[in-house]
Protein backbone atom coordinates (compact mmCIF):
# COMPACT_ATOMS: atom_id res chain seq x y z
CA UNK A 1 -18.96 9.48 -41.76
CA UNK A 2 -18.05 5.94 -40.65
CA UNK A 3 -19.94 3.09 -41.88
CA UNK A 4 -22.44 1.45 -39.53
CA UNK A 5 -23.08 -2.23 -39.38
CA UNK A 6 -25.51 -4.18 -37.15
CA UNK A 7 -25.83 -1.27 -34.88
CA UNK A 8 -22.08 -1.38 -33.96
CA UNK A 9 -19.80 1.65 -34.96
CA UNK A 10 -16.75 0.58 -36.82
CA UNK A 11 -13.80 2.65 -35.46
CA UNK A 12 -11.26 4.20 -37.68
CA UNK A 13 -7.56 3.86 -36.98
CA UNK A 14 -7.18 7.45 -35.83
CA UNK A 15 -8.82 6.66 -32.49
CA UNK A 16 -6.75 7.59 -29.50
CA UNK A 17 -4.57 4.42 -28.86
CA UNK A 18 -4.42 4.81 -25.09
CA UNK A 19 -8.26 4.45 -24.94
CA UNK A 20 -7.99 1.00 -26.27
CA UNK A 21 -7.74 -2.30 -24.24
CA UNK A 22 -4.48 -3.01 -25.93
CA UNK A 23 -2.82 -0.14 -24.26
CA UNK A 24 -3.53 -1.77 -20.84
CA UNK A 25 -1.00 -4.33 -21.82
CA UNK A 26 1.70 -1.87 -21.19
CA UNK A 27 0.28 -0.83 -17.88
CA UNK A 28 0.09 -4.58 -16.93
CA UNK A 29 3.67 -5.08 -17.95
CA UNK A 30 4.91 -2.06 -16.02
CA UNK A 31 3.18 -3.50 -12.89
CA UNK A 32 4.88 -6.94 -13.52
CA UNK A 33 8.32 -5.32 -14.09
CA UNK A 34 8.05 -3.13 -11.09
CA UNK A 35 6.81 -6.06 -8.89
CA UNK A 36 9.49 -8.51 -9.95
CA UNK A 37 12.22 -5.87 -9.69
CA UNK A 38 11.14 -4.76 -6.29
CA UNK A 39 10.75 -8.18 -4.76
CA UNK A 40 13.50 -10.10 -6.56
CA UNK A 41 15.82 -10.14 -3.65
CA UNK A 42 13.24 -11.20 -1.18
CA UNK A 43 13.88 -14.42 0.74
CA UNK A 44 11.69 -16.33 3.25
CA UNK A 45 8.72 -14.29 2.94
CA UNK A 46 5.42 -15.36 4.62
CA UNK A 47 2.27 -13.77 3.32
CA UNK A 48 -0.56 -12.92 5.64
CA UNK A 49 -4.16 -12.70 4.49
CA UNK A 50 -7.27 -11.64 6.40
CA UNK A 51 -10.04 -9.17 6.63
CA UNK A 52 -9.44 -5.48 6.76
CA UNK A 53 -12.43 -5.10 9.08
CA UNK A 54 -10.72 -7.04 11.96
CA UNK A 55 -10.47 -4.33 14.64
CA UNK A 56 -7.28 -3.42 16.58
CA UNK A 57 -7.09 -5.23 19.88
CA UNK A 58 -9.43 -7.97 18.93
CA UNK A 59 -8.45 -11.79 19.30
CA UNK A 60 -7.37 -12.23 15.62
CA UNK A 61 -5.63 -8.92 15.44
CA UNK A 62 -3.48 -9.74 18.42
CA UNK A 63 -2.94 -13.29 17.11
CA UNK A 64 -1.79 -11.94 13.75
CA UNK A 65 0.55 -9.55 15.35
CA UNK A 66 2.04 -12.11 17.63
CA UNK A 67 2.50 -14.54 14.74
CA UNK A 68 4.25 -11.95 12.45
CA UNK A 69 6.49 -10.88 15.42
CA UNK A 70 7.65 -14.41 16.10
CA UNK A 71 8.25 -15.16 12.45
CA UNK A 72 10.24 -11.83 12.04
CA UNK A 73 12.38 -12.67 14.99
CA UNK A 74 13.23 -15.97 13.12
CA UNK A 75 14.35 -14.22 10.00
CA UNK A 76 11.10 -14.31 7.93
CA UNK A 77 9.93 -11.33 5.91
CA UNK A 78 6.21 -10.44 6.45
CA UNK A 79 4.19 -9.75 3.21
CA UNK A 80 0.66 -8.48 3.34
CA UNK A 81 -1.75 -6.38 1.25
CA UNK A 82 -0.75 -3.37 3.23
CA UNK A 83 -4.21 -2.44 4.21
CA UNK A 84 -5.87 -2.22 7.82
CA UNK A 85 -7.21 -5.15 9.97
CA UNK A 86 -5.10 -8.35 9.74
CA UNK A 87 -2.80 -6.84 7.25
CA UNK A 88 -1.96 -3.96 9.62
CA UNK A 89 -1.55 -6.40 12.49
CA UNK A 90 0.95 -8.47 10.61
CA UNK A 91 2.99 -5.43 9.42
CA UNK A 92 2.91 -3.98 12.93
CA UNK A 93 4.35 -7.29 14.28
CA UNK A 94 7.23 -7.28 11.75
CA UNK A 95 7.84 -3.55 12.34
CA UNK A 96 8.12 -3.95 16.20
CA UNK A 97 10.32 -7.01 15.63
CA UNK A 98 12.56 -4.85 13.43
CA UNK A 99 12.14 -7.07 10.42
CA UNK A 100 11.05 -6.71 6.88
CA UNK A 101 7.47 -5.40 6.79
CA UNK A 102 6.36 -5.43 3.23
CA UNK A 103 2.96 -4.16 1.71
CA UNK A 104 1.42 -4.86 -1.66
CA UNK A 105 -1.24 -2.24 -1.76
CA UNK A 106 -4.16 -2.38 -4.15
CA UNK A 107 -5.38 1.02 -5.44
CA UNK A 108 -8.93 0.85 -4.63
CA UNK A 109 -11.32 3.31 -2.89
CA UNK A 110 -10.77 3.76 0.83
CA UNK A 111 -7.73 1.63 1.13
CA UNK A 112 -4.63 3.34 2.32
CA UNK A 113 -1.38 1.57 3.27
CA UNK A 114 -1.00 1.13 7.01
CA UNK A 115 1.81 2.94 8.77
CA UNK A 116 3.76 -0.18 9.69
CA UNK A 117 5.03 -0.94 6.22
CA UNK A 118 8.70 -0.29 5.62
CA UNK A 119 8.71 -1.32 1.93
CA UNK A 120 5.66 -0.60 -0.24
CA UNK A 121 4.59 -1.52 -3.79
CA UNK A 122 1.31 -0.38 -5.22
CA UNK A 123 -0.84 -2.21 -7.92
CA UNK A 124 -3.88 -1.34 -10.03
CA UNK A 125 -4.59 -5.03 -10.97
CA UNK A 126 -5.57 -7.65 -8.40
CA UNK A 127 -4.15 -10.44 -10.66
CA UNK A 128 -0.72 -8.90 -10.86
CA UNK A 129 -0.61 -8.53 -7.16
CA UNK A 130 -1.69 -12.16 -6.61
CA UNK A 131 1.19 -13.32 -8.76
CA UNK A 132 3.57 -11.46 -6.45
CA UNK A 133 2.14 -13.25 -3.45
CA UNK A 134 2.38 -16.71 -5.15
CA UNK A 135 5.91 -16.12 -6.50
CA UNK A 136 7.61 -14.75 -3.51
CA UNK A 137 5.91 -16.40 -0.54
CA UNK A 138 7.30 -19.51 1.10
CA UNK A 139 4.05 -19.83 3.05
CA UNK A 140 0.55 -18.42 3.12
CA UNK A 141 -0.97 -17.72 6.56
CA UNK A 142 -4.59 -17.14 6.38
CA UNK A 143 -6.75 -15.43 8.90
CA UNK A 144 -10.50 -14.92 8.99
CA UNK A 145 -11.58 -12.78 6.08
CA UNK A 146 -14.14 -12.26 3.28
CA UNK A 147 -14.18 -12.63 -0.54
CA UNK A 148 -10.65 -11.14 -0.99
CA UNK A 149 -9.25 -13.50 1.54
CA UNK A 150 -11.07 -16.51 0.05
CA UNK A 151 -9.86 -15.55 -3.41
CA UNK A 152 -6.21 -15.59 -2.31
CA UNK A 153 -6.67 -18.75 -0.36
CA UNK A 154 -8.23 -20.76 -3.02
CA UNK A 155 -6.03 -19.40 -5.81
CA UNK A 156 -2.92 -20.53 -3.80
CA UNK A 157 -4.44 -23.95 -3.18
CA UNK A 158 -5.42 -24.37 -7.01
CA UNK A 159 -1.85 -23.39 -8.02
CA UNK A 160 -0.42 -26.15 -5.74
CA UNK A 161 -2.98 -28.66 -6.73
CA UNK A 162 -2.24 -28.27 -10.49
CA UNK A 163 1.42 -28.16 -10.07
CA UNK A 164 1.73 -24.61 -11.36
CA UNK A 165 3.96 -23.77 -8.37
CA UNK A 166 6.24 -25.64 -5.95
CA UNK A 167 4.27 -26.77 -2.84
CA UNK A 168 4.35 -24.33 -0.02
CA UNK A 169 2.67 -24.30 3.35
CA UNK A 170 -0.98 -22.98 3.45
CA UNK A 171 -2.05 -22.33 7.00
CA UNK A 172 -5.59 -21.50 8.10
CA UNK A 173 -5.64 -19.84 11.41
CA UNK A 174 -8.70 -20.15 13.68
CA UNK A 175 -10.43 -23.47 14.01
CA UNK A 176 -13.67 -21.85 15.05
CA UNK A 177 -13.80 -19.78 11.91
CA UNK A 178 -12.53 -22.24 9.34
CA UNK A 179 -14.06 -25.39 10.79
CA UNK A 180 -17.46 -25.18 8.97
CA UNK A 181 -15.91 -24.51 5.77
CA UNK A 182 -13.47 -27.55 6.04
CA UNK A 183 -16.51 -29.72 7.04
CA UNK A 184 -18.32 -28.65 3.87
CA UNK A 185 -15.24 -29.44 1.70
CA UNK A 186 -15.09 -32.80 3.39
CA UNK A 187 -18.78 -33.73 3.15
CA UNK A 188 -19.92 -31.97 -0.04
CA UNK A 189 -16.90 -31.82 -2.28
CA UNK A 190 -15.12 -35.03 -1.31
CA UNK A 191 -17.64 -37.56 -0.10
CA UNK A 192 -20.90 -36.43 -1.78
CA UNK A 193 -19.78 -35.08 -5.17
CA UNK A 194 -16.11 -36.18 -5.53
CA UNK A 195 -15.09 -32.78 -6.88
CA UNK A 196 -12.20 -33.02 -4.60
CA UNK A 197 -10.04 -35.80 -3.56
CA UNK A 198 -9.00 -36.77 -0.09
CA UNK A 199 -5.41 -35.77 -0.76
CA UNK A 200 -6.60 -32.36 -1.81
CA UNK A 201 -7.39 -31.56 1.92
CA UNK A 202 -3.89 -32.30 2.77
CA UNK A 203 -2.74 -29.10 0.95
CA UNK A 204 -3.45 -26.97 3.99
CA UNK A 205 -3.20 -26.98 7.78
CA UNK A 206 -5.47 -25.65 10.34
CA UNK A 207 -3.62 -24.20 13.32
CA UNK A 208 -4.26 -21.68 16.19
CA UNK A 209 -0.96 -20.90 17.87
CA UNK A 210 2.04 -18.76 16.49
CA UNK A 211 4.42 -21.33 17.74
CA UNK A 212 2.66 -24.08 15.82
CA UNK A 213 2.67 -21.91 12.63
CA UNK A 214 6.37 -21.36 13.01
CA UNK A 215 7.06 -25.06 13.57
CA UNK A 216 4.95 -26.09 10.55
CA UNK A 217 6.84 -23.81 8.24
CA UNK A 218 10.34 -24.80 9.58
CA UNK A 219 9.42 -28.54 9.36
CA UNK A 220 8.17 -28.17 5.81
CA UNK A 221 11.40 -26.80 4.58
CA UNK A 222 13.56 -29.04 6.77
CA UNK A 223 12.67 -31.95 4.38
CA UNK A 224 15.11 -30.73 1.65
CA UNK A 225 12.77 -28.15 0.15
CA UNK A 226 14.30 -24.75 -0.37
CA UNK A 227 12.20 -21.68 0.80
CA UNK A 228 11.55 -18.90 -1.68
C-alpha cells in the first residue's frame, strides 16, 4: 500500500509515464517540429481570421474570398485555420486564384478542414498553432469573429506591442463590426484608464476594401522591411 498524506495519494514511480503531464512535452515538441518543418519555406503568407459561422454567400464571406483572391494573384500565400466560414472563403479565394491555400486545422469536435486547402497541417494545441500564425505571417487580416478571432487578434497585437516579433500589418476588416470595439479602446483604455497609450492604437488599421488591404500590406513592406 502507498502512504497517504493530507488526502493526496503519493504516486509510485511505476505509474505509466505517458499518463503524466511530462509526456505531453513530447507531443508539444512534435507539433512544433512538424509545424516548423512544414512551413519553413513559406514566404509572403497572409493569415485570415474570422468566424466559422459566417455563411457562404454573405457579405463578409464574399469579401474574404475576394481579398484572398486578389492577394493570391499578387503572389501572397493564404493561411487560415482551415475551418468553415471566413476560413473557407479565404482558402477558396486562394484556390480559385491557383495560389497557395494553406490550412492549420485544430483538432476539436465538429471542425473538419474545408475542401479548398491544398496544404494542411493539424494541431492538438491552440498555442502551438498560434505560434505558427505569428511566425510565418507577413500580415494578419481579421474579419468579424468570436472568442477565437479575438484571441488571435489580441495576441498578435500584444506580441508587436512588447517587441516579441517584428512589426507586421494587422488589418481589421469591417468598420461596422469593429467600430464599437475601437471606440471602447479609445475611450475606456486610452482616455479613461490609460491602460493603453495612443500609439498602441496605431498597431492596427481598419479597412473595408480588398484593394486597400493589398495596398496597405505592400506599402508597409516598401519601407525597407522584409516580408516573412
